[in-house]
Amino acid sequence: MKEVYEGSEVGFFMRRGLVLASIMLAMFLAAIEATIVSTAMPGIVADLGGFSLYSWVFSAYLLTNASTVLLFGKLSDTYGRKPIFMLGICLFLLGSIIAALANGMVVLIAARFVQGLGAGALMPIATTIVGDIYSKEERAKIQGYLSSVWGISAVTGPLLGGFFVDVLSWPFVFWMNLPLGMLALTGVMLFFKEDVEKQEARISYKSSIYVMLMVSLVVLMLVEGGIGIAWLSLEMLILFLTALGSFILFRQAEKKTSTPMLPLHLWENRSIRYANLTSLTTGMILIGVSSYLPAFVQGVMEQSATVAGFTLTTMSIGWPIAATLAGRLLLKAGFRFTSIVGGCSLIIGAVLFSLLSPEKGPVFAAVGSLFIGIGMGFSTTSFIVSIQNSVDWKMRGIATASNMFMRTLGSALGAAVLGGLLNNRIHQSLEQEGLDQEYSVDSTNLLLNEEARSELSAQALTVFREGLTNGLHQVYVGLLILAVISFLLILRLPKNG
């Protein structure tokens, strides 16, 4: 790649550094979107209404992200990284503009779909570009920098979200993306040079539609199952059969095309197969911690939102530190050993969460969060570098995208599975105490608001607190099971890696 950058040695390194800064900035925008919107959502719902659509603001972003990441990875192998990456930035900024101007929740959700499309291009292609312009020895360290973007975004997102809502107004959460996105777009446009021999475009767009439909239906079944839609009902059967049909159509479309979106031969590579399977389970762990830890700290421990944010911040601190250390450890001990270190840390963190109780306090929760962050930092960095070193340039985009797809898919499924566990447990508690006619699962939000909490009757307060405590305990036991599965999968990685 070095020969593409004309000029002196200093010019080469300077241009490459500017490209890295630009793609890290673009990645930051996509990564911060989850945490900054989470903080701003109460203010957004208060203004726009439509609380029943609350979760879809997050699901829309995850679904289009997961279902298009493979498509964009394939397009980058066909047309080159630069045009597809720039397209991703433009789509993300378009979604941000629509979101900032939204006058209702439906428009906001549509905007999040568009943002998710852009993020589907940004995340995998950013790491692929690094694989292109840096040598095998340099990649480990640089991928550590990219992994740290997730940690930094998790720290700054809640702070910025709170600032915009309290001091300015919620649309600035989305307006903020414009100047930063334009800066990233300009940097990539001016400094990233690539010499691509364009291939004939034969891409199965049907596959992307089938994946999106399948994932959307599975998430809908898992979230609404047992509450909004009875498990043993005609509606659930129709959803299941449609999801199954989408999967079958996806497989058929992949077999018929000479340029499949997710080439099956990639899964024959042991490094890719087990790195991707582990990313699926670690994606579920990640969403389980980031989504439900604040609810436990605020609703069960009755701590403030600031304290709840502190317990998540420790994960955000552990991740970038571990990612940086992983970059150095990879070169000395190999991918497998570095991944095992990450797997052990995930298990320690999950054990601490499974032991979490109101009496343990937020510091105990923060320590568990720290170990989860360390585990994610070591494992994700190892997986990306391992995958990129096991394929050539023509397959690097789709190989990297496949790993991102599995992690994002894990997050989407994890949110649904763990959310379904929690909702069902709370619903059972209300039914057992005969309060299901007066309150619903949505009423659990009353625990998260100090003023509303004081208005609950003693019986209702006890039922909600116990239901939330037991439900979240089930979630954290689920995280422990996922952590053990992740560790067992890591042990299957090649020993020579």
Protein backbone atom coordinates (compact mmCIF):
# COMPACT_ATOMS: atom_id res chain seq x y z
CA MET A 1 0.00 0.00 0.00
CA LYS A 2 2.96 2.28 0.62
CA GLU A 3 3.63 2.73 -3.09
CA VAL A 4 0.23 4.43 -3.48
CA TYR A 5 1.40 7.35 -1.36
CA GLU A 6 3.81 9.33 -3.49
CA GLY A 7 6.44 11.58 -1.99
CA SER A 8 8.90 11.32 0.88
CA GLU A 9 8.94 8.83 3.73
CA VAL A 10 7.74 11.59 6.07
CA GLY A 11 4.88 12.40 3.71
CA PHE A 12 3.84 8.75 3.65
CA PHE A 13 3.66 8.45 7.44
CA MET A 14 1.92 11.82 7.77
CA ARG A 15 -0.76 10.92 5.22
CA ARG A 16 -1.27 7.54 6.82
CA GLY A 17 -1.63 9.17 10.24
CA LEU A 18 -4.23 11.59 8.89
CA VAL A 19 -6.18 8.71 7.34
CA LEU A 20 -6.11 6.90 10.69
CA ALA A 21 -7.34 10.02 12.50
CA SER A 22 -10.16 10.43 9.98
CA ILE A 23 -11.43 6.88 10.21
CA MET A 24 -11.17 6.91 14.02
CA LEU A 25 -13.31 10.06 14.04
CA ALA A 26 -15.91 8.39 11.80
CA MET A 27 -15.87 5.29 14.02
CA PHE A 28 -16.31 7.49 17.07
CA LEU A 29 -19.53 8.94 15.63
CA ALA A 30 -20.99 5.49 15.00
CA ALA A 31 -19.83 4.13 18.38
CA ILE A 32 -21.02 7.07 20.49
CA GLU A 33 -24.49 7.03 18.95
CA ALA A 34 -25.73 4.31 21.30
CA THR A 35 -24.62 5.87 24.60
CA ILE A 36 -25.37 9.49 23.76
CA VAL A 37 -28.91 8.66 22.58
CA SER A 38 -29.51 6.47 25.66
CA THR A 39 -28.89 9.45 27.92
CA ALA A 40 -31.00 11.78 25.81
CA MET A 41 -33.98 9.44 25.29
CA PRO A 42 -36.01 10.50 28.37
CA GLY A 43 -35.87 14.10 27.15
CA ILE A 44 -36.67 13.04 23.58
CA VAL A 45 -39.71 10.99 24.64
CA ALA A 46 -40.93 13.84 26.85
CA ASP A 47 -40.88 16.09 23.80
CA LEU A 48 -42.05 13.73 21.05
CA GLY A 49 -44.22 11.29 23.01
CA GLY A 50 -44.68 7.68 21.88
CA PHE A 51 -43.12 5.86 24.84
CA SER A 52 -44.32 2.48 23.50
CA LEU A 53 -41.84 2.93 20.62
CA TYR A 54 -38.93 3.68 22.98
CA SER A 55 -36.97 0.47 22.36
CA TRP A 56 -37.28 0.71 18.58
CA VAL A 57 -35.10 3.81 18.57
CA PHE A 58 -32.24 1.47 19.53
CA SER A 59 -33.43 -1.62 17.69
CA ALA A 60 -33.75 0.23 14.37
CA TYR A 61 -30.11 1.29 14.54
CA LEU A 62 -28.89 -2.21 15.47
CA LEU A 63 -31.01 -4.00 12.88
CA THR A 64 -29.93 -2.02 9.80
CA ASN A 65 -26.37 -2.03 11.10
CA ALA A 66 -26.33 -5.82 11.44
CA SER A 67 -28.13 -6.55 8.18
CA THR A 68 -26.00 -4.30 5.95
CA VAL A 69 -22.53 -4.76 7.41
CA LEU A 70 -21.93 -7.82 5.21
CA LEU A 71 -23.19 -6.03 2.09
CA PHE A 72 -20.88 -3.07 2.59
CA GLY A 73 -17.97 -5.38 3.35
CA LYS A 74 -18.55 -7.11 0.02
CA LEU A 75 -18.95 -3.81 -1.82
CA SER A 76 -15.63 -2.61 -0.40
CA ASP A 77 -13.90 -5.69 -1.81
CA THR A 78 -15.47 -4.94 -5.22
CA TYR A 79 -15.22 -1.15 -5.53
CA GLY A 80 -12.54 -0.33 -2.97
CA ARG A 81 -12.70 0.90 0.60
CA LYS A 82 -12.73 4.64 -0.03
CA PRO A 83 -16.02 5.15 -1.96
CA ILE A 84 -17.97 2.78 0.30
CA PHE A 85 -16.57 4.35 3.47
CA MET A 86 -17.47 7.82 2.20
CA LEU A 87 -20.96 6.57 1.32
CA GLY A 88 -21.30 5.30 4.90
CA ILE A 89 -20.39 8.70 6.34
CA CYS A 90 -22.90 10.44 4.02
CA LEU A 91 -25.73 8.06 4.99
CA PHE A 92 -24.92 8.49 8.67
CA LEU A 93 -25.00 12.29 8.36
CA LEU A 94 -28.28 12.16 6.38
CA GLY A 95 -29.84 10.10 9.16
CA SER A 96 -28.52 12.58 11.74
CA ILE A 97 -30.16 15.52 9.93
CA ILE A 98 -33.52 13.72 9.72
CA ALA A 99 -33.29 12.76 13.41
CA ALA A 100 -32.50 16.34 14.48
CA LEU A 101 -35.53 17.63 12.56
CA ALA A 102 -37.87 14.81 13.70
CA ASN A 103 -41.29 15.93 14.96
CA GLY A 104 -42.43 12.47 16.08
CA MET A 105 -41.12 9.09 17.16
CA VAL A 106 -41.90 7.41 13.83
CA VAL A 107 -39.73 9.92 11.97
CA LEU A 108 -36.98 9.51 14.56
CA ILE A 109 -37.06 5.73 14.17
CA ALA A 110 -36.87 6.09 10.37
CA ALA A 111 -33.85 8.37 10.83
CA ARG A 112 -32.21 5.74 13.05
CA PHE A 113 -32.70 3.18 10.28
CA VAL A 114 -30.74 5.46 7.95
CA GLN A 115 -28.05 6.06 10.58
CA GLY A 116 -27.75 2.30 11.03
CA LEU A 117 -27.19 1.91 7.30
CA GLY A 118 -24.28 4.32 7.48
CA ALA A 119 -22.82 2.66 10.56
CA GLY A 120 -22.99 -0.66 8.73
CA ALA A 121 -20.37 0.71 6.34
CA LEU A 122 -18.29 2.68 8.84
CA MET A 123 -17.40 0.08 11.43
CA PRO A 124 -16.06 -2.85 9.35
CA ILE A 125 -14.45 -0.80 6.59
CA ALA A 126 -12.58 1.38 9.09
CA THR A 127 -10.83 -1.67 10.51
CA THR A 128 -10.33 -3.06 7.00
CA ILE A 129 -8.58 0.15 5.85
CA VAL A 130 -6.18 -0.22 8.77
CA GLY A 131 -5.50 -3.77 7.64
CA ASP A 132 -4.68 -2.40 4.17
CA ILE A 133 -2.37 0.48 5.01
CA TYR A 134 -0.47 -1.02 7.96
CA SER A 135 1.86 -4.01 7.99
CA LYS A 136 1.16 -7.24 9.87
CA GLU A 137 3.45 -6.12 12.72
CA GLU A 138 1.77 -2.69 12.96
CA ARG A 139 -1.84 -3.87 12.77
CA ALA A 140 -2.03 -5.21 16.31
CA LYS A 141 -1.14 -1.87 17.87
CA ILE A 142 -3.34 0.17 15.53
CA GLN A 143 -6.35 -2.14 15.94
CA GLY A 144 -5.92 -1.56 19.66
CA TYR A 145 -6.37 2.16 19.00
CA LEU A 146 -9.55 1.45 17.02
CA SER A 147 -10.93 -0.77 19.79
CA SER A 148 -10.32 2.00 22.29
CA VAL A 149 -12.72 4.22 20.31
CA TRP A 150 -15.57 2.13 21.78
CA GLY A 151 -14.35 2.78 25.29
CA ILE A 152 -13.88 6.51 24.77
CA SER A 153 -17.34 6.82 23.22
CA ALA A 154 -18.90 5.00 26.18
CA VAL A 155 -17.31 7.50 28.59
CA THR A 156 -18.08 10.69 26.66
CA GLY A 157 -21.51 9.67 25.31
CA PRO A 158 -23.50 9.91 28.56
CA LEU A 159 -21.76 13.16 29.51
CA LEU A 160 -22.45 14.81 26.14
CA GLY A 161 -26.01 13.49 26.03
CA GLY A 162 -26.76 14.89 29.47
CA PHE A 163 -25.15 18.22 28.59
CA PHE A 164 -27.12 18.65 25.36
CA VAL A 165 -30.45 17.79 27.01
CA ASP A 166 -29.89 19.86 30.17
CA VAL A 167 -28.16 22.90 28.68
CA LEU A 168 -29.18 23.04 25.02
CA SER A 169 -31.83 20.69 23.55
CA TRP A 170 -31.94 17.06 22.39
CA PRO A 171 -31.61 17.77 18.61
CA PHE A 172 -27.99 18.82 19.28
CA VAL A 173 -27.28 15.15 20.01
CA PHE A 174 -27.67 14.65 16.25
CA TRP A 175 -26.50 18.07 15.01
CA MET A 176 -23.15 17.35 16.69
CA ASN A 177 -22.48 14.67 14.09
CA LEU A 178 -22.42 17.10 11.15
CA PRO A 179 -19.17 19.04 11.75
CA LEU A 180 -17.33 15.94 13.00
CA GLY A 181 -18.64 13.82 10.13
CA MET A 182 -17.69 16.43 7.53
CA LEU A 183 -14.19 16.61 9.00
CA ALA A 184 -13.83 12.82 8.77
CA LEU A 185 -15.23 12.82 5.22
CA THR A 186 -12.77 15.51 4.13
CA GLY A 187 -9.83 13.69 5.69
CA VAL A 188 -10.60 10.42 3.91
CA MET A 189 -11.30 12.22 0.63
CA LEU A 190 -8.00 14.15 0.64
CA PHE A 191 -5.51 11.78 2.24
CA PHE A 192 -6.63 8.20 1.59
CA LYS A 193 -5.23 6.91 -1.70
CA GLU A 194 -5.90 3.41 -2.94
CA ASP A 195 -5.11 1.69 -6.21
CA VAL A 196 -8.01 -0.68 -6.82
CA GLU A 197 -8.53 -3.01 -9.72
CA LYS A 198 -12.32 -2.87 -9.78
CA GLN A 199 -14.06 -6.20 -10.18
CA GLU A 200 -17.30 -6.95 -11.98
CA ALA A 201 -20.14 -6.06 -9.63
CA ARG A 202 -22.15 -9.22 -8.98
CA ILE A 203 -23.63 -8.75 -5.54
CA SER A 204 -26.72 -10.45 -4.16
CA TYR A 205 -28.73 -7.60 -2.66
CA LYS A 206 -31.53 -10.07 -1.94
CA SER A 207 -29.35 -11.67 0.73
CA SER A 208 -29.18 -8.40 2.67
CA ILE A 209 -32.99 -8.02 2.56
CA TYR A 210 -33.47 -11.60 3.77
CA VAL A 211 -31.00 -11.10 6.64
CA MET A 212 -32.68 -7.87 7.74
CA LEU A 213 -36.14 -9.48 7.66
CA MET A 214 -34.95 -12.56 9.55
CA VAL A 215 -33.16 -10.62 12.31
CA SER A 216 -36.06 -8.16 12.69
CA LEU A 217 -38.60 -10.97 13.13
CA VAL A 218 -36.43 -12.91 15.59
CA VAL A 219 -35.91 -9.79 17.72
CA LEU A 220 -39.65 -9.05 17.62
CA MET A 221 -40.48 -12.61 18.75
CA LEU A 222 -37.98 -12.58 21.60
CA VAL A 223 -39.01 -9.14 22.91
CA GLU A 224 -42.79 -9.59 22.65
CA GLY A 225 -42.96 -13.34 23.32
CA GLY A 226 -45.07 -14.15 26.40
CA ILE A 227 -46.16 -10.52 26.87
CA GLY A 228 -47.36 -8.76 23.72
CA ILE A 229 -47.67 -12.00 21.74
CA ALA A 230 -48.46 -15.36 23.35
CA TRP A 231 -45.83 -18.01 22.65
CA LEU A 232 -48.47 -20.55 21.59
CA SER A 233 -50.45 -18.34 19.21
CA LEU A 234 -51.12 -18.06 15.48
CA GLU A 235 -49.28 -14.71 15.35
CA MET A 236 -46.13 -16.24 16.86
CA LEU A 237 -46.33 -19.19 14.45
CA ILE A 238 -46.58 -16.83 11.47
CA LEU A 239 -43.58 -14.80 12.69
CA PHE A 240 -41.54 -17.99 13.21
CA LEU A 241 -42.37 -19.43 9.79
CA THR A 242 -41.62 -16.10 8.07
CA ALA A 243 -38.25 -15.84 9.85
CA LEU A 244 -37.44 -19.44 8.94
CA GLY A 245 -38.45 -18.79 5.33
CA SER A 246 -36.19 -15.73 5.23
CA PHE A 247 -33.26 -17.83 6.43
CA ILE A 248 -33.92 -20.51 3.80
CA LEU A 249 -34.18 -17.89 1.05
CA PHE A 250 -30.91 -16.33 2.27
CA ARG A 251 -29.11 -19.69 2.05
CA GLN A 252 -30.52 -20.33 -1.42
CA ALA A 253 -29.52 -16.86 -2.64
CA GLU A 254 -26.00 -17.38 -1.27
CA LYS A 255 -25.64 -20.73 -3.04
CA LYS A 256 -26.83 -19.41 -6.41
CA THR A 257 -24.50 -16.39 -6.62
CA SER A 258 -20.82 -16.64 -7.53
CA THR A 259 -20.09 -13.73 -5.16
CA PRO A 260 -21.92 -14.59 -1.92
CA MET A 261 -22.33 -11.97 0.78
CA LEU A 262 -21.04 -14.35 3.45
CA PRO A 263 -18.84 -16.90 1.64
CA LEU A 264 -19.15 -20.29 3.33
CA HIS A 265 -15.48 -21.05 2.71
CA LEU A 266 -14.57 -18.29 5.17
CA TRP A 267 -16.08 -20.42 7.93
CA GLU A 268 -13.71 -23.24 6.96
CA ASN A 269 -10.91 -21.04 8.30
CA ARG A 270 -10.65 -22.03 11.97
CA SER A 271 -9.54 -18.58 13.15
CA ILE A 272 -12.49 -16.89 11.46
CA ARG A 273 -15.04 -19.54 12.50
CA TYR A 274 -14.32 -19.42 16.23
CA ALA A 275 -13.58 -15.69 16.37
CA ASN A 276 -16.99 -15.02 14.78
CA LEU A 277 -18.87 -17.45 17.01
CA THR A 278 -17.25 -15.91 20.09
CA SER A 279 -18.12 -12.41 18.85
CA LEU A 280 -21.77 -13.48 18.74
CA THR A 281 -21.75 -14.41 22.44
CA THR A 282 -19.58 -11.46 23.56
CA GLY A 283 -21.95 -9.12 21.69
CA MET A 284 -24.77 -10.50 23.84
CA ILE A 285 -22.68 -9.96 26.98
CA LEU A 286 -21.88 -6.40 26.00
CA ILE A 287 -25.49 -5.36 25.44
CA GLY A 288 -26.53 -7.16 28.63
CA VAL A 289 -24.15 -5.11 30.75
CA SER A 290 -24.59 -1.73 29.06
CA SER A 291 -28.40 -1.94 28.86
CA TYR A 292 -29.33 -3.39 32.25
CA LEU A 293 -26.64 -2.36 34.72
CA PRO A 294 -28.01 1.23 35.01
CA ALA A 295 -31.49 -0.23 35.64
CA PHE A 296 -30.12 -2.35 38.51
CA VAL A 297 -28.16 0.50 40.09
CA GLN A 298 -31.03 3.00 39.81
CA GLY A 299 -34.05 0.73 40.28
CA VAL A 300 -32.76 -1.82 42.80
CA MET A 301 -29.94 0.01 44.59
CA GLU A 302 -31.87 3.31 44.35
CA GLN A 303 -28.77 5.24 43.34
CA SER A 304 -28.67 8.29 41.08
CA ALA A 305 -28.16 8.25 37.31
CA THR A 306 -24.67 9.66 37.89
CA VAL A 307 -23.70 6.69 40.08
CA ALA A 308 -25.21 4.32 37.50
CA GLY A 309 -23.07 6.00 34.85
CA PHE A 310 -19.98 5.48 37.02
CA THR A 311 -20.55 1.71 37.10
CA LEU A 312 -20.55 1.64 33.28
CA THR A 313 -17.60 4.02 32.98
CA THR A 314 -15.28 1.45 34.53
CA MET A 315 -16.03 -0.87 31.60
CA SER A 316 -15.22 2.01 29.29
CA ILE A 317 -11.89 2.50 31.04
CA GLY A 318 -10.96 -1.18 31.05
CA TRP A 319 -11.71 -1.67 27.34
CA PRO A 320 -9.22 0.80 25.76
CA ILE A 321 -6.47 -0.06 28.26
CA ALA A 322 -6.86 -3.78 27.53
CA ALA A 323 -7.07 -3.14 23.77
CA THR A 324 -3.77 -1.25 23.87
CA LEU A 325 -2.09 -3.97 25.94
CA ALA A 326 -3.53 -6.61 23.61
CA GLY A 327 -1.79 -4.97 20.67
CA ARG A 328 1.56 -5.58 22.37
CA LEU A 329 0.73 -9.00 23.79
CA LEU A 330 -0.39 -10.26 20.37
CA LEU A 331 3.10 -9.89 18.93
CA LYS A 332 4.72 -11.71 21.86
CA ALA A 333 2.25 -14.44 22.81
CA GLY A 334 -0.05 -14.80 19.78
CA PHE A 335 -3.78 -14.42 19.12
CA ARG A 336 -4.97 -17.46 21.07
CA PHE A 337 -3.23 -16.63 24.35
CA THR A 338 -4.37 -12.99 24.17
CA SER A 339 -7.93 -14.13 23.51
CA ILE A 340 -7.77 -16.56 26.47
CA VAL A 341 -6.77 -13.68 28.75
CA GLY A 342 -9.85 -11.83 27.52
CA GLY A 343 -12.06 -14.88 28.03
CA CYS A 344 -10.90 -15.33 31.62
CA SER A 345 -11.61 -11.68 32.36
CA LEU A 346 -15.14 -12.01 30.92
CA ILE A 347 -15.83 -14.96 33.22
CA ILE A 348 -14.56 -13.05 36.29
CA GLY A 349 -16.77 -10.08 35.43
CA ALA A 350 -19.80 -12.31 34.79
CA VAL A 351 -19.28 -14.16 38.11
CA LEU A 352 -19.27 -10.82 39.95
CA PHE A 353 -22.50 -9.81 38.19
CA SER A 354 -24.16 -13.12 39.06
CA LEU A 355 -23.40 -12.37 42.73
CA LEU A 356 -24.68 -8.80 42.51
CA SER A 357 -27.30 -7.80 45.07
CA PRO A 358 -28.65 -4.49 46.45
CA GLU A 359 -26.41 -4.89 49.52
CA LYS A 360 -23.22 -5.25 47.44
CA GLY A 361 -23.37 -1.61 46.33
CA PRO A 362 -22.35 0.19 43.13
CA VAL A 363 -18.58 -0.27 43.67
CA PHE A 364 -19.01 -4.05 43.43
CA ALA A 365 -20.97 -3.55 40.21
CA ALA A 366 -18.28 -1.24 38.87
CA VAL A 367 -15.57 -3.87 39.47
CA GLY A 368 -17.60 -6.44 37.52
CA SER A 369 -18.05 -3.91 34.73
CA LEU A 370 -14.28 -3.26 34.69
CA PHE A 371 -13.49 -6.95 34.13
CA ILE A 372 -16.05 -7.16 31.31
CA GLY A 373 -14.37 -4.16 29.64
CA ILE A 374 -10.93 -5.75 30.00
CA GLY A 375 -12.25 -8.98 28.49
CA MET A 376 -13.79 -7.15 25.52
CA GLY A 377 -10.58 -5.18 24.92
CA PHE A 378 -8.36 -8.26 24.78
CA SER A 379 -10.73 -10.45 22.77
CA THR A 380 -12.03 -8.04 20.11
CA THR A 381 -8.54 -6.79 19.23
CA SER A 382 -7.24 -10.35 18.95
CA PHE A 383 -10.10 -11.44 16.72
CA ILE A 384 -9.79 -8.60 14.20
CA VAL A 385 -6.02 -8.92 13.77
CA SER A 386 -6.25 -12.72 13.58
CA ILE A 387 -8.94 -12.59 10.89
CA GLN A 388 -7.16 -9.96 8.79
CA ASN A 389 -3.90 -11.91 8.87
CA SER A 390 -5.62 -15.10 7.67
CA VAL A 391 -7.02 -13.74 4.37
CA ASP A 392 -5.71 -11.72 1.41
CA TRP A 393 -6.77 -8.21 0.32
CA LYS A 394 -9.68 -9.38 -1.84
CA MET A 395 -11.36 -11.12 1.09
CA ARG A 396 -10.28 -8.83 3.93
CA GLY A 397 -13.30 -6.55 3.71
CA ILE A 398 -15.93 -9.28 3.91
CA ALA A 399 -13.91 -11.26 6.49
CA THR A 400 -13.70 -8.22 8.78
CA ALA A 401 -17.36 -7.41 8.15
CA SER A 402 -18.39 -10.96 9.06
CA ASN A 403 -16.91 -10.49 12.53
CA MET A 404 -18.62 -7.11 12.97
CA PHE A 405 -21.86 -8.66 11.76
CA MET A 406 -21.70 -11.45 14.34
CA ARG A 407 -21.00 -9.03 17.20
CA THR A 408 -23.79 -6.67 16.16
CA LEU A 409 -26.14 -9.61 15.63
CA GLY A 410 -25.19 -10.80 19.12
CA SER A 411 -26.06 -7.39 20.56
CA ALA A 412 -29.44 -7.34 18.79
CA LEU A 413 -30.29 -10.89 19.89
CA GLY A 414 -28.87 -10.30 23.38
CA ALA A 415 -31.07 -7.24 23.87
CA ALA A 416 -34.08 -9.32 22.85
CA VAL A 417 -33.27 -12.50 24.82
CA LEU A 418 -32.17 -10.78 28.02
CA GLY A 419 -34.93 -8.19 27.74
CA GLY A 420 -37.47 -10.95 27.29
CA LEU A 421 -36.16 -12.71 30.42
CA LEU A 422 -36.45 -9.52 32.45
CA ASN A 423 -39.90 -8.54 31.16
CA ASN A 424 -41.33 -12.00 31.71
CA ARG A 425 -40.02 -12.15 35.29
CA ILE A 426 -41.53 -8.75 36.17
CA HIS A 427 -44.81 -9.73 34.49
CA GLN A 428 -44.93 -12.94 36.57
CA SER A 429 -44.35 -10.96 39.78
CA LEU A 430 -47.27 -8.64 39.00
CA GLU A 431 -49.55 -11.59 38.19
CA GLN A 432 -48.65 -13.45 41.38
CA GLU A 433 -49.55 -10.43 43.53
CA GLY A 434 -52.69 -9.59 41.55
CA LEU A 435 -51.33 -6.23 40.38
CA ASP A 436 -51.27 -7.02 36.65
CA GLN A 437 -54.58 -5.15 36.09
CA GLU A 438 -53.32 -1.98 37.76
CA TYR A 439 -49.72 -2.01 36.53
CA SER A 440 -47.80 -3.29 33.50
CA VAL A 441 -44.15 -4.09 32.80
CA ASP A 442 -43.79 -0.50 31.54
CA SER A 443 -44.64 0.70 35.06
CA THR A 444 -41.20 -0.53 36.16
CA ASN A 445 -39.94 2.84 34.94
CA LEU A 446 -41.50 4.30 38.09
CA LEU A 447 -38.66 2.71 40.06
CA LEU A 448 -36.13 4.68 38.04
CA ASN A 449 -37.66 8.04 38.99
CA GLU A 450 -37.27 9.11 42.62
CA GLU A 451 -40.44 11.23 42.71
CA ALA A 452 -42.60 8.58 41.01
CA ARG A 453 -41.12 5.87 43.26
CA SER A 454 -42.38 7.68 46.37
CA GLU A 455 -45.95 7.65 44.99
CA LEU A 456 -46.09 3.84 44.70
CA SER A 457 -47.91 1.88 47.41
CA ALA A 458 -45.77 -0.21 49.74
CA GLN A 459 -47.00 -3.43 48.11
CA ALA A 460 -46.38 -2.21 44.57
CA LEU A 461 -42.93 -0.90 45.50
CA THR A 462 -41.97 -4.26 47.02
CA VAL A 463 -43.31 -6.25 44.05
CA PHE A 464 -41.55 -4.09 41.46
CA ARG A 465 -38.28 -4.09 43.37
CA GLU A 466 -38.31 -7.87 43.88
CA GLY A 467 -39.42 -8.48 40.30
CA LEU A 468 -36.66 -6.25 38.93
CA THR A 469 -34.08 -7.78 41.27
CA ASN A 470 -34.99 -11.36 40.38
CA GLY A 471 -35.32 -10.54 36.69
CA LEU A 472 -31.91 -8.85 36.54
CA HIS A 473 -30.38 -11.73 38.50
CA GLN A 474 -31.61 -14.05 35.74
CA VAL A 475 -30.06 -11.72 33.18
CA TYR A 476 -26.70 -11.84 34.96
CA VAL A 477 -26.79 -15.61 35.31
CA GLY A 478 -27.38 -15.59 31.56
CA LEU A 479 -24.26 -13.42 31.14
CA LEU A 480 -22.22 -15.97 33.12
CA ILE A 481 -23.42 -18.80 30.87
CA LEU A 482 -22.52 -16.72 27.79
CA ALA A 483 -19.06 -15.93 29.24
CA VAL A 484 -18.35 -19.65 29.80
CA ILE A 485 -19.49 -20.45 26.25
CA SER A 486 -17.24 -17.65 24.95
CA PHE A 487 -14.24 -19.10 26.81
CA LEU A 488 -14.88 -22.60 25.47
CA LEU A 489 -15.07 -21.21 21.92
CA ILE A 490 -11.82 -19.28 22.41
CA LEU A 491 -10.08 -22.53 23.40
CA ARG A 492 -10.96 -23.82 19.93
CA LEU A 493 -8.87 -21.13 18.23
CA PRO A 494 -5.73 -22.47 16.44
CA LYS A 495 -2.86 -23.05 18.87
CA ASN A 496 -0.33 -21.65 16.43
CA GLY A 497 -2.11 -18.28 16.38
